[in-house]
Protein backbone atom coordinates (compact mmCIF):
# COMPACT_ATOMS: atom_id res chain seq x y z
CA MET A 1 57.35 105.26 21.96
CA LEU A 2 59.97 102.40 21.53
CA GLN A 3 59.31 98.86 23.05
CA ARG A 4 62.82 98.46 23.82
CA PRO A 5 66.21 100.87 24.11
CA PRO A 6 68.42 100.43 20.88
CA ARG A 7 72.06 100.46 20.41
CA ALA A 8 71.82 101.29 16.88
CA LEU A 9 69.85 102.98 14.56
CA TYR A 10 69.06 102.30 10.52
CA SER A 11 67.22 104.97 8.87
CA ALA A 12 66.34 105.59 5.58
CA PHE A 13 63.73 108.06 3.70
CA ASP A 14 62.64 104.76 1.61
CA ARG A 15 59.59 102.52 1.77
CA PHE A 16 60.79 98.92 2.82
CA PRO A 17 60.71 96.47 2.19
CA SER A 18 60.42 97.24 -1.55
CA ARG A 19 61.24 95.69 -4.70
CA LYS A 20 63.52 98.64 -6.03
CA GLY A 21 67.29 98.58 -5.65
CA ALA A 22 67.14 100.53 -2.42
CA GLY A 23 65.21 97.55 -0.76
CA VAL A 24 67.66 95.26 -1.59
CA HIS A 25 70.78 97.39 -0.34
CA ILE A 26 68.43 98.53 2.94
CA ALA A 27 68.07 95.00 3.79
CA ARG A 28 71.83 93.66 3.50
CA PHE A 29 73.07 96.63 5.27
CA ALA A 30 70.52 96.78 8.04
CA ARG A 31 70.94 93.33 8.65
CA THR A 32 74.73 93.89 8.74
CA LEU A 33 74.48 96.91 11.44
CA PHE A 34 72.06 94.90 13.80
CA ASP A 35 74.16 91.45 13.66
CA TYR A 36 77.28 93.70 14.57
CA ALA A 37 75.47 95.87 17.36
CA GLY A 38 73.02 93.52 18.69
CA GLY A 39 70.07 94.44 17.19
CA GLY A 40 68.39 97.86 17.17
CA LEU A 41 65.99 100.35 15.25
CA LEU A 42 64.61 100.15 11.81
CA TYR A 43 63.18 103.77 10.52
CA THR A 44 61.48 103.73 7.24
CA LEU A 45 58.89 105.00 5.00
CA GLY A 46 55.85 103.06 5.12
CA GLY A 47 52.43 102.88 3.54
CA ASP A 48 48.76 101.62 3.95
CA ASP A 49 50.18 97.94 3.17
CA PHE A 50 52.94 97.99 5.89
CA PRO A 51 52.60 97.78 9.69
CA ALA A 52 53.49 100.82 11.05
CA HIS A 53 55.20 99.27 13.94
CA GLN A 54 56.71 95.78 14.47
CA ILE A 55 59.19 93.69 15.93
CA GLU A 56 61.46 90.90 13.93
CA ASP A 57 63.54 89.08 16.03
CA ASP A 58 66.21 91.91 17.46
CA VAL A 59 64.86 94.70 15.46
CA GLU A 60 62.15 97.10 15.97
CA ILE A 61 60.90 98.50 12.65
CA VAL A 62 58.78 101.77 12.80
CA ARG A 63 57.79 103.23 9.44
CA PHE A 64 56.67 106.56 8.99
CA SER A 65 53.38 107.17 6.88
CA ALA A 66 51.73 110.81 6.71
CA PRO A 67 49.58 112.24 3.99
CA PHE A 68 52.07 114.64 2.64
CA ASP A 69 52.00 115.64 -1.34
CA ASN A 70 54.61 118.14 -1.09
CA TYR A 71 58.16 116.50 -0.97
CA LEU A 72 59.61 118.66 1.40
CA GLU A 73 57.04 118.92 4.04
CA ARG A 74 57.28 114.82 3.96
CA ALA A 75 60.89 115.13 4.56
CA GLY A 76 60.51 117.67 7.30
CA ALA A 77 57.90 115.67 8.94
CA PHE A 78 60.00 112.28 8.53
CA ALA A 79 62.77 113.88 10.28
CA ASP A 80 60.73 115.07 13.14
CA ARG A 81 59.23 112.08 14.05
CA LEU A 82 62.78 110.95 14.21
CA GLY A 83 63.73 113.13 16.41
CA VAL A 84 60.85 112.08 18.71
CA LEU A 85 61.90 108.70 18.45
CA LEU A 86 65.37 109.57 19.33
CA ASP A 87 63.85 111.31 22.31
CA GLY A 88 62.88 108.15 23.82
CA THR A 89 66.23 106.47 23.61
CA GLY A 90 67.86 107.80 26.44
CA ASP A 91 71.57 107.23 26.18
CA SER A 92 71.45 103.61 24.69
CA LEU A 93 72.11 104.74 21.31
CA ARG A 94 75.58 104.36 20.00
CA VAL A 95 75.40 104.23 15.97
CA ALA A 96 73.17 106.29 13.73
CA HIS A 97 73.33 104.80 10.25
CA PHE A 98 71.23 106.92 7.62
CA ARG A 99 70.60 106.97 4.13
CA ASP A 100 69.25 110.66 3.31
CA PRO A 101 70.01 113.72 4.84
CA TRP A 102 66.62 114.51 6.58
CA SER A 103 67.48 111.59 8.86
CA GLY A 104 71.02 112.83 8.99
CA LEU A 105 69.74 116.36 10.46
CA ALA A 106 67.83 114.91 13.46
CA VAL A 107 70.65 112.67 14.36
CA VAL A 108 74.01 115.42 13.97
CA THR A 109 71.97 118.43 15.62
CA ARG A 110 71.12 116.09 19.03
CA PRO A 111 73.11 116.92 22.22
CA ASN A 112 75.35 113.71 23.48
CA ARG A 113 74.66 112.13 19.79
CA PRO A 114 75.80 108.67 18.84
CA ARG A 115 78.57 108.04 16.01
CA ALA A 116 76.80 109.10 12.88
CA ILE A 117 77.32 107.21 9.57
CA PHE A 118 76.27 108.97 6.59
CA GLU A 119 75.25 106.44 3.71
CA VAL A 120 75.48 108.44 0.57
CA ASN A 121 74.01 106.71 -2.35
CA GLY A 122 72.21 109.70 -3.85
CA LEU A 123 71.51 113.43 -3.22
CA PRO A 124 68.28 114.78 -3.43
CA SER A 125 69.72 118.40 -4.57
CA ILE A 126 70.85 116.39 -7.80
CA GLU A 127 68.55 113.70 -8.13
CA LEU A 128 64.89 115.53 -7.73
CA PRO A 129 65.08 117.91 -10.80
CA SER A 130 64.36 114.63 -12.65
CA ALA A 131 60.97 113.82 -10.90
CA TYR A 132 60.49 117.38 -10.27
CA PRO A 133 61.41 119.43 -13.06
CA THR A 134 59.73 122.41 -12.09
CA ALA A 135 61.60 122.47 -8.47
CA ALA A 136 62.80 126.13 -7.75
CA PRO A 137 66.65 126.49 -7.76
CA SER A 138 66.21 128.27 -4.95
CA THR A 139 64.70 124.72 -3.17
CA LEU A 140 67.31 122.94 -4.52
CA GLU A 141 69.88 125.59 -2.94
CA LYS A 142 68.17 125.03 0.12
CA ILE A 143 68.37 121.23 -0.06
CA ALA A 144 72.34 121.06 -0.73
CA ARG A 145 72.71 123.28 2.28
CA VAL A 146 71.44 120.49 4.56
CA GLU A 147 73.33 118.05 2.80
CA GLN A 148 76.46 120.05 3.37
CA PHE A 149 75.51 120.53 6.86
CA VAL A 150 75.06 116.96 7.67
CA LEU A 151 77.66 115.78 5.35
CA GLU A 152 80.35 117.96 7.32
CA ARG A 153 79.48 116.80 10.88
CA ALA A 154 78.94 112.90 10.18
CA ASP A 155 81.78 111.02 11.49
CA ALA A 156 82.04 108.66 8.58
CA ILE A 157 80.47 108.48 5.14
CA VAL A 158 79.87 105.33 3.23
CA THR A 159 79.14 105.44 -0.58
CA PRO A 160 79.03 102.74 -3.05
CA ALA A 161 81.27 104.43 -6.13
CA ALA A 162 84.20 106.31 -6.14
CA THR A 163 82.42 108.61 -8.72
CA ILE A 164 79.96 109.59 -5.58
CA ARG A 165 83.03 109.94 -3.40
CA ASP A 166 84.99 112.52 -5.95
CA HIS A 167 82.06 114.41 -5.87
CA LEU A 168 82.02 115.13 -2.07
CA VAL A 169 85.29 115.64 -2.24
CA ALA A 170 85.09 118.30 -4.62
CA ARG A 171 82.16 119.64 -2.34
CA GLY A 172 84.98 120.11 0.72
CA ILE A 173 84.41 116.76 2.18
CA ASP A 174 87.71 115.53 3.73
CA ALA A 175 88.15 112.29 1.81
CA ALA A 176 89.64 110.27 4.70
CA LYS A 177 85.92 110.04 6.43
CA ILE A 178 84.62 108.55 2.97
CA ASP A 179 84.87 104.52 2.43
CA VAL A 180 83.58 103.33 -1.01
CA ILE A 181 81.63 100.06 -0.52
CA PRO A 182 80.57 99.05 -3.66
CA ASN A 183 76.79 97.44 -3.87
CA GLY A 184 77.00 93.57 -4.43
CA ALA A 185 75.05 90.46 -5.89
CA ASP A 186 73.78 86.99 -4.59
CA LEU A 187 75.72 84.53 -6.39
CA GLU A 188 73.60 81.55 -4.52
CA PHE A 189 70.36 83.51 -5.62
CA ALA A 190 71.66 83.67 -9.14
CA ASP A 191 71.79 79.61 -9.18
CA GLY A 192 68.77 78.81 -7.57
CA GLN A 193 65.81 76.68 -9.05
CA HIS A 194 63.50 79.06 -10.17
CA ALA A 195 60.46 78.46 -12.54
CA ASP A 196 61.01 79.79 -15.97
CA ASP A 197 58.75 78.14 -18.58
CA GLU A 198 57.58 81.46 -20.01
CA ALA A 199 60.98 83.18 -20.03
CA ALA A 200 62.52 80.22 -21.55
CA ALA A 201 60.13 80.09 -24.45
CA LEU A 202 60.62 83.47 -25.07
CA GLN A 203 63.94 83.54 -26.17
CA PRO A 204 65.97 85.30 -27.51
CA TYR A 205 65.03 88.50 -25.67
CA LEU A 206 67.13 91.89 -24.21
CA LEU A 207 66.06 92.41 -20.78
CA TYR A 208 65.79 95.64 -18.70
CA PHE A 209 65.01 95.51 -14.94
CA GLY A 210 64.45 98.40 -12.89
CA SER A 211 62.91 101.75 -12.27
CA LEU A 212 61.82 103.76 -15.09
CA HIS A 213 63.36 107.01 -13.90
CA PRO A 214 64.34 109.36 -16.53
CA TRP A 215 68.00 108.69 -16.22
CA GLN A 216 67.79 104.99 -16.58
CA GLY A 217 67.33 105.64 -20.74
CA ILE A 218 64.29 103.83 -21.66
CA GLU A 219 63.38 105.83 -24.49
CA THR A 220 66.96 105.36 -25.95
CA LEU A 221 66.65 101.50 -25.42
CA ILE A 222 63.03 101.58 -27.09
CA ARG A 223 64.67 103.62 -29.89
CA ALA A 224 67.54 101.41 -30.31
CA PHE A 225 65.16 98.26 -30.64
CA ALA A 226 63.27 100.35 -33.32
CA ARG A 227 66.30 99.79 -35.29
CA LEU A 228 66.45 95.89 -35.02
CA ARG A 229 63.54 95.27 -36.75
CA ASP A 230 65.16 92.66 -39.23
CA LEU A 231 65.70 90.81 -35.92
CA GLU A 232 62.50 89.63 -36.02
CA GLU A 233 62.57 86.81 -33.32
CA LEU A 234 64.40 89.32 -30.88
CA ARG A 235 61.95 90.42 -28.35
CA LEU A 236 62.58 93.26 -25.78
CA VAL A 237 61.17 92.64 -21.83
CA LEU A 238 60.89 95.52 -19.50
CA CYS A 239 60.38 94.29 -15.93
CA CYS A 240 59.48 97.32 -13.88
CA SER A 241 58.14 98.11 -10.06
CA GLN A 242 54.85 99.23 -11.01
CA GLU A 243 52.66 100.41 -14.07
CA SER A 244 52.71 104.08 -14.01
CA ARG A 245 52.19 107.13 -16.06
CA GLN A 246 55.84 106.75 -17.13
CA SER A 247 55.22 103.17 -18.30
CA ARG A 248 52.16 104.23 -20.66
CA SER A 249 54.66 106.92 -21.88
CA TYR A 250 57.10 104.42 -23.28
CA GLN A 251 54.35 101.77 -24.44
CA ARG A 252 52.89 104.96 -26.55
CA LEU A 253 56.74 105.63 -27.70
CA ALA A 254 56.92 101.76 -28.93
CA GLU A 255 53.51 101.98 -30.55
CA LYS A 256 54.64 105.17 -32.79
CA LEU A 257 58.07 103.49 -33.52
CA GLU A 258 55.51 99.87 -34.67
CA VAL A 259 57.46 97.59 -32.22
CA ALA A 260 55.05 97.28 -29.20
CA PRO A 261 53.94 93.81 -30.46
CA ARG A 262 57.65 92.89 -29.63
CA ILE A 263 58.08 94.39 -25.99
CA VAL A 264 56.90 92.39 -22.97
CA TRP A 265 56.12 94.41 -20.09
CA ARG A 266 56.10 92.80 -16.43
CA PHE A 267 55.46 94.68 -12.86
CA GLY A 268 56.08 94.08 -9.46
CA LEU A 269 57.64 90.97 -10.22
CA SER A 270 59.51 89.66 -6.71
CA ALA A 271 62.90 88.88 -6.89
CA VAL A 272 61.76 85.14 -7.07
CA GLU A 273 59.82 85.93 -10.10
CA LEU A 274 62.34 88.41 -11.72
CA ALA A 275 65.38 85.73 -11.50
CA PRO A 276 64.30 83.22 -14.38
CA TRP A 277 63.71 86.12 -16.63
CA LEU A 278 67.14 87.35 -15.71
CA ARG A 279 69.15 83.74 -16.16
CA ASN A 280 67.47 83.56 -19.87
CA ALA A 281 67.78 86.76 -20.73
CA MET A 282 70.56 87.07 -24.12
CA VAL A 283 71.58 90.35 -22.87
CA SER A 284 70.72 92.64 -19.63
CA MET A 285 70.63 96.25 -20.54
CA ALA A 286 71.77 99.53 -18.57
CA PRO A 287 71.25 102.39 -20.90
CA LEU A 288 72.14 105.04 -18.33
CA THR A 289 71.64 108.54 -19.69
CA GLU A 290 74.20 111.15 -19.56
CA CYS A 291 73.11 113.72 -16.96
CA ALA A 292 73.92 115.05 -13.51
CA ARG A 293 72.54 112.35 -11.45
CA ASN A 294 74.66 109.80 -13.30
CA ILE A 295 77.85 111.86 -14.19
CA VAL A 296 78.22 114.54 -11.80
CA GLN A 297 77.01 112.51 -8.79
CA GLY A 298 77.30 108.88 -9.97
CA CYS A 299 75.55 105.64 -9.23
CA SER A 300 76.45 102.10 -8.83
CA PRO A 301 73.60 100.07 -10.45
CA LEU A 302 72.21 96.85 -8.76
CA LYS A 303 70.99 95.95 -12.01
CA ILE A 304 74.30 95.55 -13.62
CA LEU A 305 75.86 93.53 -10.49
CA GLU A 306 72.90 91.30 -10.73
CA ALA A 307 72.86 90.65 -14.23
CA MET A 308 77.04 89.81 -13.98
CA ALA A 309 76.45 87.61 -10.89
CA ALA A 310 73.92 85.39 -13.24
CA GLY A 311 76.06 85.16 -16.26
CA VAL A 312 74.31 87.37 -18.47
CA PRO A 313 76.67 89.83 -20.70
CA VAL A 314 75.71 93.24 -20.12
CA ILE A 315 75.07 95.99 -22.54
CA ALA A 316 75.80 99.83 -20.58
CA SER A 317 76.47 103.24 -20.93
CA ASP A 318 80.13 104.48 -20.84
CA LEU A 319 79.92 106.39 -17.84
CA PRO A 320 82.61 106.64 -14.87
CA ALA A 321 80.51 104.85 -12.50
CA VAL A 322 80.00 101.83 -14.77
CA ARG A 323 83.65 101.22 -15.38
CA GLU A 324 84.11 100.99 -11.75
CA LEU A 325 82.19 97.85 -12.02
CA LEU A 326 83.11 96.07 -15.57
CA SER A 327 85.29 97.03 -18.38
CA ASP A 328 84.78 97.50 -21.90
CA SER A 329 84.72 94.13 -23.60
CA VAL A 330 85.68 92.03 -20.87
CA GLU A 331 82.71 91.86 -18.87
CA GLY A 332 80.09 93.60 -21.00
CA LEU A 333 80.00 96.12 -23.84
CA LEU A 334 79.87 100.08 -23.03
CA VAL A 335 78.36 102.40 -25.49
CA GLN A 336 77.87 106.29 -25.65
CA PRO A 337 75.21 107.02 -23.36
CA ASP A 338 71.88 108.55 -25.34
CA ARG A 339 72.74 107.00 -28.67
CA PRO A 340 69.99 104.67 -30.07
CA ALA A 341 72.25 103.81 -33.32
CA ALA A 342 75.36 102.81 -30.75
CA LEU A 343 73.49 100.73 -28.56
CA ALA A 344 71.46 99.27 -31.40
CA ARG A 345 74.71 98.28 -33.02
CA ALA A 346 76.24 96.43 -29.62
CA ILE A 347 73.02 94.63 -29.53
CA ARG A 348 73.56 93.23 -32.99
CA ILE A 349 77.17 92.32 -32.15
CA LEU A 350 75.81 90.06 -28.93
CA PHE A 351 73.13 88.72 -31.01
CA GLU A 352 75.47 87.72 -34.02
CA TYR A 353 78.08 86.28 -31.90
CA PRO A 354 76.95 83.96 -29.06
CA GLN A 355 80.50 82.65 -28.04
CA LEU A 356 81.06 86.46 -27.22
CA ARG A 357 77.88 86.25 -25.41
CA ALA A 358 79.37 83.53 -23.17
CA SER A 359 82.50 84.97 -22.55
CA LEU A 360 81.12 88.37 -21.36
CA GLY A 361 78.79 86.51 -19.16
CA SER A 362 81.47 84.12 -17.72
CA GLU A 363 83.71 87.31 -17.04
CA GLY A 364 81.01 89.00 -15.68
CA ARG A 365 80.39 86.30 -13.00
CA ARG A 366 84.15 85.97 -12.27
CA ARG A 367 84.15 89.52 -11.14
CA ILE A 368 81.47 89.32 -8.93
CA GLU A 369 82.73 86.16 -7.25
CA SER A 370 86.29 88.27 -6.79
CA SER A 371 85.07 91.78 -5.80
CA PHE A 372 81.16 92.08 -5.57
CA THR A 373 79.42 90.11 -3.59
CA TRP A 374 77.38 91.37 -0.44
CA ASP A 375 79.79 89.52 1.83
CA HIS A 376 82.03 91.86 0.27
CA ALA A 377 80.27 94.81 0.99
CA ALA A 378 79.51 93.50 4.66
CA ALA A 379 82.56 92.94 5.54
CA LYS A 380 83.75 96.55 4.61
CA LEU A 381 80.83 97.78 6.43
CA ARG A 382 81.92 96.00 9.34
CA ALA A 383 85.13 97.37 9.55
CA VAL A 384 83.92 100.59 9.40
CA TYR A 385 81.72 99.92 12.65
CA MET A 386 84.62 98.78 14.15
CA ARG A 387 86.50 101.63 13.27
CA GLU A 388 84.12 104.31 14.44
CA LEU A 389 82.97 102.04 17.86
CA GLN A 390 85.93 100.91 19.01
């Protein structure tokens, strides 16, 4: 039972807080909503290390934790619990902002529902096959039908990339109700003072930070790094959320390619702990693969924006979603995805030309300052709320 009647709901089928990009995004957008609405209800996934219920200033936080191993059972139970919470809101709720179709289903099927804003960062019907390769086509079709139902009934849709918007339009969604609000980066944090003795001592090194999902292209990165054995002083630093079966698989690949001693792994770093690794990196890597998640759906990688904010040059895969954030040879270098040789050549170019590195890093930071801060994103999101709640 809720302790206070909320005027606004922000719901996400994600653990929060977390060190993933989703956690950063939720924190920024939820705060924008609650500042606009005067507080509200934040409903997310939880875990043993998070309280199931807490109140922080003007926000009541409810976290769903249940021992469901099956993804769809967990998603259904998550939506059912949200429905129960909404039953207790009476007529106080004016706006519901949700990041997933399961939350959306609980919102748009209610009588006298609030204004429904669907934030589409990714679609389970496209992303799940990477995590669950044995998912049956019939199951994915069922998920896609739920997505379509919620997309059609949402009052407004916000998405971080034009690539995602175009995919939604191709599915028959009215472009007029879709706002593209790119992810952002924090210039002040990039400039902050953080202990960096270990990172500084390891230079020069390439940095990858983020998840180890197959679509991130870590295998391509390790294979590219193996082609640079003659650059004996160069290291590769991989900063990931947690050690896992995937990380161990990549470690075995590095051993097979005889580059394991030159790869440094760090797990579970906080944003403050990650900052010196980013600031001291020679290059930040985003070797996204050419797959449905990145090509058909699209994305807006926070790792690219955060590196640009820190003035660190980026080497990334040449994909439509990436080209929304940077231009080849202006703020970074773009290479064909899934091509270790091409990626290795780009790394070698930046290793050998420090002036080019400096130019790309400076231009990247300028682009963030002009177009991609979190303040830019918050202003666009507030405009959506003003339009929908007038």
